[in-house]
Amino acid sequence: MKKFDELKKLVTTLEADADKFYNKANSAAGTRVRKGMQDLKNIAQAIRLEIQETKNKEA
């Protein structure tokens, strides 16, 4: 559950930069959003693996 909370926190922090990029054309904010999205992908993959391991232990 710790990784899931980390994922939610990251989405929340990216919201301001996404707003700056899309509404104010701030390209540096776009770079931060892209990096954050890559981090989201990695965290999501880690969560998927954790869930799969837990499922396999129960079976």
C-alpha atoms as a PDB file:
ATOM      1  CA  MET A   1       0.000   0.000   0.000  1.00  0.00           C
ATOM      2  CA  LYS A   2       3.014   2.254   0.519  1.00  0.00           C
ATOM      3  CA  LYS A   3       3.775   2.323  -3.203  1.00  0.00           C
ATOM      4  CA  PHE A   4       0.152   3.101  -4.014  1.00  0.00           C
ATOM      5  CA  ASP A   5       0.243   6.093  -1.670  1.00  0.00           C
ATOM      6  CA  GLU A   6       3.482   7.195  -3.348  1.00  0.00           C
ATOM      7  CA  LEU A   7       1.746   6.957  -6.724  1.00  0.00           C
ATOM      8  CA  LYS A   8      -1.164   9.129  -5.558  1.00  0.00           C
ATOM      9  CA  LYS A   9       1.215  11.709  -4.088  1.00  0.00           C
ATOM     10  CA  LEU A  10       3.169  11.905  -7.347  1.00  0.00           C
ATOM     11  CA  VAL A  11      -0.001  12.474  -9.383  1.00  0.00           C
ATOM     12  CA  THR A  12      -0.974  15.280  -7.032  1.00  0.00           C
ATOM     13  CA  THR A  13       2.414  16.966  -7.332  1.00  0.00           C
ATOM     14  CA  LEU A  14       2.333  16.734 -11.130  1.00  0.00           C
ATOM     15  CA  GLU A  15      -1.025  18.485 -11.354  1.00  0.00           C
ATOM     16  CA  ALA A  16       0.429  21.981 -10.896  1.00  0.00           C
ATOM     17  CA  ASP A  17       3.113  21.428 -13.536  1.00  0.00           C
ATOM     18  CA  ALA A  18       0.566  19.984 -15.963  1.00  0.00           C
ATOM     19  CA  ASP A  19      -1.541  23.118 -15.504  1.00  0.00           C
ATOM     20  CA  LYS A  20       1.490  25.333 -16.124  1.00  0.00           C
ATOM     21  CA  PHE A  21       2.386  23.429 -19.282  1.00  0.00           C
ATOM     22  CA  TYR A  22      -1.086  23.202 -20.837  1.00  0.00           C
ATOM     23  CA  ASN A  23      -2.518  26.558 -19.768  1.00  0.00           C
ATOM     24  CA  LYS A  24       0.550  28.792 -19.598  1.00  0.00           C
ATOM     25  CA  ALA A  25       2.788  27.166 -22.226  1.00  0.00           C
ATOM     26  CA  ASN A  26       5.629  26.679 -19.727  1.00  0.00           C
ATOM     27  CA  SER A  27       7.914  24.183 -21.458  1.00  0.00           C
ATOM     28  CA  ALA A  28      10.044  23.536 -18.350  1.00  0.00           C
ATOM     29  CA  ALA A  29       6.886  22.375 -16.595  1.00  0.00           C
ATOM     30  CA  GLY A  30       6.274  20.024 -19.517  1.00  0.00           C
ATOM     31  CA  THR A  31       9.686  18.480 -18.965  1.00  0.00           C
ATOM     32  CA  ARG A  32       8.881  17.946 -15.283  1.00  0.00           C
ATOM     33  CA  VAL A  33       5.559  16.349 -16.223  1.00  0.00           C
ATOM     34  CA  ARG A  34       7.272  13.987 -18.677  1.00  0.00           C
ATOM     35  CA  LYS A  35       9.793  12.944 -16.024  1.00  0.00           C
ATOM     36  CA  GLY A  36       7.018  12.492 -13.499  1.00  0.00           C
ATOM     37  CA  MET A  37       5.030  10.372 -15.917  1.00  0.00           C
ATOM     38  CA  GLN A  38       8.058   8.112 -16.374  1.00  0.00           C
ATOM     39  CA  ASP A  39       8.288   7.803 -12.585  1.00  0.00           C
ATOM     40  CA  LEU A  40       4.562   6.966 -12.499  1.00  0.00           C
ATOM     41  CA  LYS A  41       5.122   4.218 -15.032  1.00  0.00           C
ATOM     42  CA  ASN A  42       7.921   2.723 -12.944  1.00  0.00           C
ATOM     43  CA  ILE A  43       5.937   2.874  -9.706  1.00  0.00           C
ATOM     44  CA  ALA A  44       2.897   1.345 -11.415  1.00  0.00           C
ATOM     45  CA  GLN A  45       5.044  -1.520 -12.693  1.00  0.00           C
ATOM     46  CA  ALA A  46       6.433  -2.105  -9.201  1.00  0.00           C
ATOM     47  CA  ILE A  47       2.878  -2.201  -7.825  1.00  0.00           C
ATOM     48  CA  ARG A  48       1.839  -4.680 -10.518  1.00  0.00           C
ATOM     49  CA  LEU A  49       4.748  -6.972  -9.620  1.00  0.00           C
ATOM     50  CA  GLU A  50       3.993  -6.690  -5.902  1.00  0.00           C
ATOM     51  CA  ILE A  51       0.353  -7.632  -6.480  1.00  0.00           C
ATOM     52  CA  GLN A  52       1.310 -10.565  -8.694  1.00  0.00           C
ATOM     53  CA  GLU A  53       3.761 -11.866  -6.089  1.00  0.00           C
ATOM     54  CA  THR A  54       1.114 -11.612  -3.383  1.00  0.00           C
ATOM     55  CA  LYS A  55      -1.430 -13.441  -5.555  1.00  0.00           C
ATOM     56  CA  ASN A  56       1.046 -16.221  -6.306  1.00  0.00           C
ATOM     57  CA  LYS A  57       1.863 -16.711  -2.626  1.00  0.00           C
ATOM     58  CA  GLU A  58      -1.811 -17.190  -1.819  1.00  0.00           C
ATOM     59  CA  ALA A  59      -2.373 -19.748  -4.574  1.00  0.00           C
END
